[in-house]
C-alpha atoms as a PDB file:
ATOM      1  CA  ALA A   1      21.332 -56.975  72.490  1.00  0.00           C
ATOM      2  CA  GLU A   2      23.446 -53.835  72.390  1.00  0.00           C
ATOM      3  CA  LEU A   3      26.285 -55.606  70.562  1.00  0.00           C
ATOM      4  CA  LEU A   4      23.773 -57.082  68.126  1.00  0.00           C
ATOM      5  CA  GLU A   5      22.408 -53.635  67.300  1.00  0.00           C
ATOM      6  CA  ARG A   6      25.909 -52.183  66.905  1.00  0.00           C
ATOM      7  CA  TYR A   7      26.901 -54.967  64.518  1.00  0.00           C
ATOM      8  CA  LEU A   8      23.773 -54.493  62.397  1.00  0.00           C
ATOM      9  CA  HIS A   9      24.227 -50.709  62.332  1.00  0.00           C
ATOM     10  CA  ILE A  10      27.772 -51.193  61.036  1.00  0.00           C
ATOM     11  CA  GLN A  11      26.397 -53.414  58.267  1.00  0.00           C
ATOM     12  CA  LYS A  12      23.735 -50.777  57.551  1.00  0.00           C
ATOM     13  CA  MET A  13      26.466 -48.140  57.130  1.00  0.00           C
ATOM     14  CA  ARG A  14      28.383 -50.528  54.885  1.00  0.00           C
ATOM     15  CA  PHE A  15      25.475 -51.457  52.591  1.00  0.00           C
ATOM     16  CA  GLY A  16      23.271 -48.356  52.943  1.00  0.00           C
ATOM     17  CA  LYS A  17      19.707 -48.357  51.661  1.00  0.00           C
ATOM     18  CA  ARG A  18      20.150 -51.819  50.239  1.00  0.00           C
ATOM     19  CA  PHE A  19      20.120 -53.407  53.706  1.00  0.00           C
ATOM     20  CA  GLU A  20      17.299 -53.266  56.251  1.00  0.00           C
ATOM     21  CA  PHE A  21      17.059 -55.068  59.552  1.00  0.00           C
ATOM     22  CA  GLU A  22      14.455 -55.609  62.205  1.00  0.00           C
ATOM     23  CA  ILE A  23      14.979 -56.709  65.792  1.00  0.00           C
ATOM     24  CA  GLN A  24      12.012 -58.132  67.705  1.00  0.00           C
ATOM     25  CA  ILE A  25      13.254 -59.334  71.048  1.00  0.00           C
ATOM     26  CA  GLU A  26      11.055 -59.577  74.114  1.00  0.00           C
ATOM     27  CA  ARG A  27      12.056 -57.015  76.727  1.00  0.00           C
ATOM     28  CA  SER A  28      12.644 -59.719  79.351  1.00  0.00           C
ATOM     29  CA  ILE A  29      15.236 -61.356  77.089  1.00  0.00           C
ATOM     30  CA  MET A  30      17.328 -58.185  77.069  1.00  0.00           C
ATOM     31  CA  GLU A  31      18.255 -58.988  80.690  1.00  0.00           C
ATOM     32  CA  GLU A  32      19.232 -62.602  79.938  1.00  0.00           C
ATOM     33  CA  LYS A  33      22.861 -63.615  79.932  1.00  0.00           C
ATOM     34  CA  ILE A  34      23.728 -65.566  76.810  1.00  0.00           C
ATOM     35  CA  PRO A  35      27.111 -66.987  75.846  1.00  0.00           C
ATOM     36  CA  LYS A  36      29.322 -64.715  73.767  1.00  0.00           C
ATOM     37  CA  LEU A  37      29.444 -65.048  70.003  1.00  0.00           C
ATOM     38  CA  ILE A  38      26.227 -67.015  69.701  1.00  0.00           C
ATOM     39  CA  LEU A  39      24.457 -64.704  67.244  1.00  0.00           C
ATOM     40  CA  GLN A  40      27.360 -63.078  65.394  1.00  0.00           C
ATOM     41  CA  PRO A  41      28.426 -66.180  63.401  1.00  0.00           C
ATOM     42  CA  ILE A  42      24.805 -66.698  62.353  1.00  0.00           C
ATOM     43  CA  LEU A  43      24.501 -63.074  61.218  1.00  0.00           C
ATOM     44  CA  GLU A  44      27.804 -63.307  59.359  1.00  0.00           C
ATOM     45  CA  ASN A  45      26.557 -66.409  57.535  1.00  0.00           C
ATOM     46  CA  SER A  46      23.495 -64.454  56.402  1.00  0.00           C
ATOM     47  CA  PHE A  47      25.744 -61.854  54.802  1.00  0.00           C
ATOM     48  CA  HIS A  48      28.388 -64.210  53.385  1.00  0.00           C
ATOM     49  CA  HIS A  49      26.165 -66.993  52.093  1.00  0.00           C
ATOM     50  CA  GLY A  50      22.628 -65.674  51.845  1.00  0.00           C
ATOM     51  CA  LEU A  51      22.622 -62.008  50.955  1.00  0.00           C
ATOM     52  CA  VAL A  52      25.894 -61.327  49.150  1.00  0.00           C
ATOM     53  CA  ASN A  53      24.702 -62.512  45.721  1.00  0.00           C
ATOM     54  CA  GLN A  54      21.080 -61.500  46.205  1.00  0.00           C
ATOM     55  CA  SER A  55      19.842 -58.631  44.039  1.00  0.00           C
ATOM     56  CA  GLY A  56      17.391 -56.078  45.400  1.00  0.00           C
ATOM     57  CA  ASN A  57      16.943 -55.121  49.017  1.00  0.00           C
ATOM     58  CA  TRP A  58      18.319 -57.313  51.762  1.00  0.00           C
ATOM     59  CA  ILE A  59      16.192 -57.902  54.831  1.00  0.00           C
ATOM     60  CA  LEU A  60      17.458 -59.483  58.023  1.00  0.00           C
ATOM     61  CA  LYS A  61      15.170 -60.140  60.985  1.00  0.00           C
ATOM     62  CA  VAL A  62      16.301 -61.139  64.474  1.00  0.00           C
ATOM     63  CA  GLU A  63      13.701 -62.382  66.946  1.00  0.00           C
ATOM     64  CA  GLY A  64      13.925 -63.558  70.520  1.00  0.00           C
ATOM     65  CA  GLU A  65      11.324 -65.113  72.760  1.00  0.00           C
ATOM     66  CA  PHE A  66      10.829 -67.429  75.705  1.00  0.00           C
ATOM     67  CA  SER A  67       8.977 -70.652  75.132  1.00  0.00           C
ATOM     68  CA  ALA A  68       7.094 -72.554  77.824  1.00  0.00           C
ATOM     69  CA  ARG A  69       8.412 -70.369  80.611  1.00  0.00           C
ATOM     70  CA  GLU A  70       6.497 -70.714  83.846  1.00  0.00           C
ATOM     71  CA  THR A  71       6.923 -68.379  86.796  1.00  0.00           C
ATOM     72  CA  GLY A  72      10.064 -69.399  88.636  1.00  0.00           C
ATOM     73  CA  GLU A  73      10.944 -72.157  86.178  1.00  0.00           C
ATOM     74  CA  ILE A  74      13.699 -72.222  83.604  1.00  0.00           C
ATOM     75  CA  GLY A  75      12.287 -71.844  80.135  1.00  0.00           C
ATOM     76  CA  VAL A  76      13.652 -72.185  76.649  1.00  0.00           C
ATOM     77  CA  LEU A  77      15.234 -69.161  75.011  1.00  0.00           C
ATOM     78  CA  ILE A  78      14.607 -69.114  71.264  1.00  0.00           C
ATOM     79  CA  LEU A  79      16.600 -66.780  69.019  1.00  0.00           C
ATOM     80  CA  THR A  80      15.799 -66.693  65.309  1.00  0.00           C
ATOM     81  CA  VAL A  81      17.676 -65.066  62.424  1.00  0.00           C
ATOM     82  CA  THR A  82      15.811 -64.895  59.106  1.00  0.00           C
ATOM     83  CA  ASP A  83      17.116 -63.476  55.832  1.00  0.00           C
ATOM     84  CA  ASN A  84      15.612 -63.029  52.392  1.00  0.00           C
ATOM     85  CA  GLY A  85      18.761 -64.253  50.663  1.00  0.00           C
ATOM     86  CA  GLY A  86      19.264 -66.895  48.024  1.00  0.00           C
ATOM     87  CA  GLY A  87      18.480 -69.792  50.332  1.00  0.00           C
ATOM     88  CA  ILE A  88      20.158 -73.168  50.317  1.00  0.00           C
ATOM     89  CA  ALA A  89      19.694 -75.976  47.822  1.00  0.00           C
ATOM     90  CA  LYS A  90      17.746 -78.909  49.295  1.00  0.00           C
ATOM     91  CA  GLU A  91      20.655 -81.394  49.110  1.00  0.00           C
ATOM     92  CA  ARG A  92      23.083 -78.941  50.721  1.00  0.00           C
ATOM     93  CA  LEU A  93      20.542 -78.078  53.433  1.00  0.00           C
ATOM     94  CA  MET A  94      20.139 -81.772  54.272  1.00  0.00           C
ATOM     95  CA  GLU A  95      23.935 -82.104  54.539  1.00  0.00           C
ATOM     96  CA  ILE A  96      24.151 -79.106  56.910  1.00  0.00           C
ATOM     97  CA  GLN A  97      21.271 -80.412  59.024  1.00  0.00           C
ATOM     98  CA  LYS A  98      22.944 -83.829  59.209  1.00  0.00           C
ATOM     99  CA  ASN A  99      26.205 -82.241  60.380  1.00  0.00           C
ATOM    100  CA  LEU A 100      24.354 -80.252  63.050  1.00  0.00           C
ATOM    101  CA  ASN A 101      22.780 -83.466  64.346  1.00  0.00           C
ATOM    102  CA  LYS A 102      26.139 -85.191  64.832  1.00  0.00           C
ATOM    103  CA  GLU A 103      27.696 -85.699  68.216  1.00  0.00           C
ATOM    104  CA  THR A 104      29.291 -82.576  69.658  1.00  0.00           C
ATOM    105  CA  LYS A 105      32.901 -83.626  68.976  1.00  0.00           C
ATOM    106  CA  SER A 106      32.092 -84.534  65.352  1.00  0.00           C
ATOM    107  CA  ALA A 107      30.174 -81.292  64.866  1.00  0.00           C
ATOM    108  CA  LEU A 108      33.220 -79.257  65.907  1.00  0.00           C
ATOM    109  CA  ASN A 109      35.270 -80.985  63.206  1.00  0.00           C
ATOM    110  CA  ALA A 110      32.590 -80.789  60.505  1.00  0.00           C
ATOM    111  CA  GLY A 111      34.644 -78.542  58.216  1.00  0.00           C
ATOM    112  CA  ALA A 112      32.208 -76.422  56.210  1.00  0.00           C
ATOM    113  CA  HIS A 113      29.954 -74.042  58.111  1.00  0.00           C
ATOM    114  CA  ILE A 114      32.371 -73.840  61.017  1.00  0.00           C
ATOM    115  CA  GLY A 115      30.389 -70.987  62.590  1.00  0.00           C
ATOM    116  CA  LEU A 116      27.148 -72.947  62.703  1.00  0.00           C
ATOM    117  CA  GLY A 117      28.930 -76.061  63.955  1.00  0.00           C
ATOM    118  CA  ASN A 118      30.803 -74.123  66.622  1.00  0.00           C
ATOM    119  CA  VAL A 119      27.690 -72.401  67.989  1.00  0.00           C
ATOM    120  CA  ASN A 120      25.762 -75.678  67.883  1.00  0.00           C
ATOM    121  CA  ALA A 121      28.507 -77.632  69.662  1.00  0.00           C
ATOM    122  CA  ARG A 122      28.915 -74.972  72.366  1.00  0.00           C
ATOM    123  CA  ILE A 123      25.193 -75.029  73.126  1.00  0.00           C
ATOM    124  CA  LYS A 124      25.097 -78.832  73.163  1.00  0.00           C
ATOM    125  CA  LEU A 125      28.081 -78.923  75.532  1.00  0.00           C
ATOM    126  CA  MET A 126      26.320 -76.506  77.902  1.00  0.00           C
ATOM    127  CA  TYR A 127      23.049 -78.450  77.757  1.00  0.00           C
ATOM    128  CA  PRO A 128      23.758 -82.125  77.087  1.00  0.00           C
ATOM    129  CA  GLU A 129      20.141 -82.948  77.952  1.00  0.00           C
ATOM    130  CA  GLY A 130      17.261 -81.605  75.909  1.00  0.00           C
ATOM    131  CA  ASN A 131      16.596 -80.534  72.353  1.00  0.00           C
ATOM    132  CA  TYR A 132      18.958 -77.543  72.329  1.00  0.00           C
ATOM    133  CA  GLY A 133      21.273 -76.276  69.630  1.00  0.00           C
ATOM    134  CA  VAL A 134      21.125 -74.737  66.162  1.00  0.00           C
ATOM    135  CA  PHE A 135      18.404 -75.617  63.676  1.00  0.00           C
ATOM    136  CA  ILE A 136      18.301 -74.423  60.082  1.00  0.00           C
ATOM    137  CA  ASP A 137      15.573 -74.271  57.478  1.00  0.00           C
ATOM    138  CA  SER A 138      15.819 -72.779  54.014  1.00  0.00           C
ATOM    139  CA  VAL A 139      14.067 -72.556  50.674  1.00  0.00           C
ATOM    140  CA  GLU A 140      16.286 -71.983  47.673  1.00  0.00           C
ATOM    141  CA  GLY A 141      15.547 -68.583  46.182  1.00  0.00           C
ATOM    142  CA  MET A 142      13.509 -67.487  49.210  1.00  0.00           C
ATOM    143  CA  GLY A 143      15.837 -67.223  52.214  1.00  0.00           C
ATOM    144  CA  THR A 144      17.045 -68.982  55.321  1.00  0.00           C
ATOM    145  CA  THR A 145      15.958 -69.191  58.950  1.00  0.00           C
ATOM    146  CA  VAL A 146      18.365 -70.236  61.688  1.00  0.00           C
ATOM    147  CA  THR A 147      16.913 -70.969  65.119  1.00  0.00           C
ATOM    148  CA  ILE A 148      18.960 -71.213  68.290  1.00  0.00           C
ATOM    149  CA  LYS A 149      17.420 -72.951  71.313  1.00  0.00           C
ATOM    150  CA  MET A 150      18.957 -72.960  74.779  1.00  0.00           C
ATOM    151  CA  GLU A 151      17.938 -72.803  78.407  1.00  0.00           C
ATOM    152  CA  ALA A 152      17.080 -69.406  79.801  1.00  0.00           C
ATOM    153  CA  GLY A 153      18.354 -68.202  83.127  1.00  0.00           C
ATOM    154  CA  ILE A 154      21.830 -69.700  82.797  1.00  0.00           C
ATOM    155  CA  GLU A 155      24.866 -68.650  84.769  1.00  0.00           C
ATOM    156  CA  ILE A 156      27.781 -67.732  82.519  1.00  0.00           C
END
């Protein structure tokens, strides 16, 4: 979480008043170990693809929560990055979603959106069972939401 805040503060210094961010991460998640470079590629995509051509103020929101976590059981860690950028055209979004649903080896060689594919493949390699990975939703002209799902309580 500290690296996340540092990265966003650097972007805030770079873009000034034009850029605002909000971090809403459950306190218990701050203690979780997550693989390196899981969030940074997603944040970079928000700047490069979503916000860069967007007029007005840019807003980026990062959220983190546990889902279905019982006492003593491993739960699902859900990290979400939402921007108010230009969004993704429906056809392009379907293509990205299709690439993210490919087998891990194919996803690594997907070409475009290497960051998303890399993060997705790394999560799928760590958790071959279950509905884990990167999921993306977007509305053209409204923004994009990227959700990362993985097991909580992992050993890195």
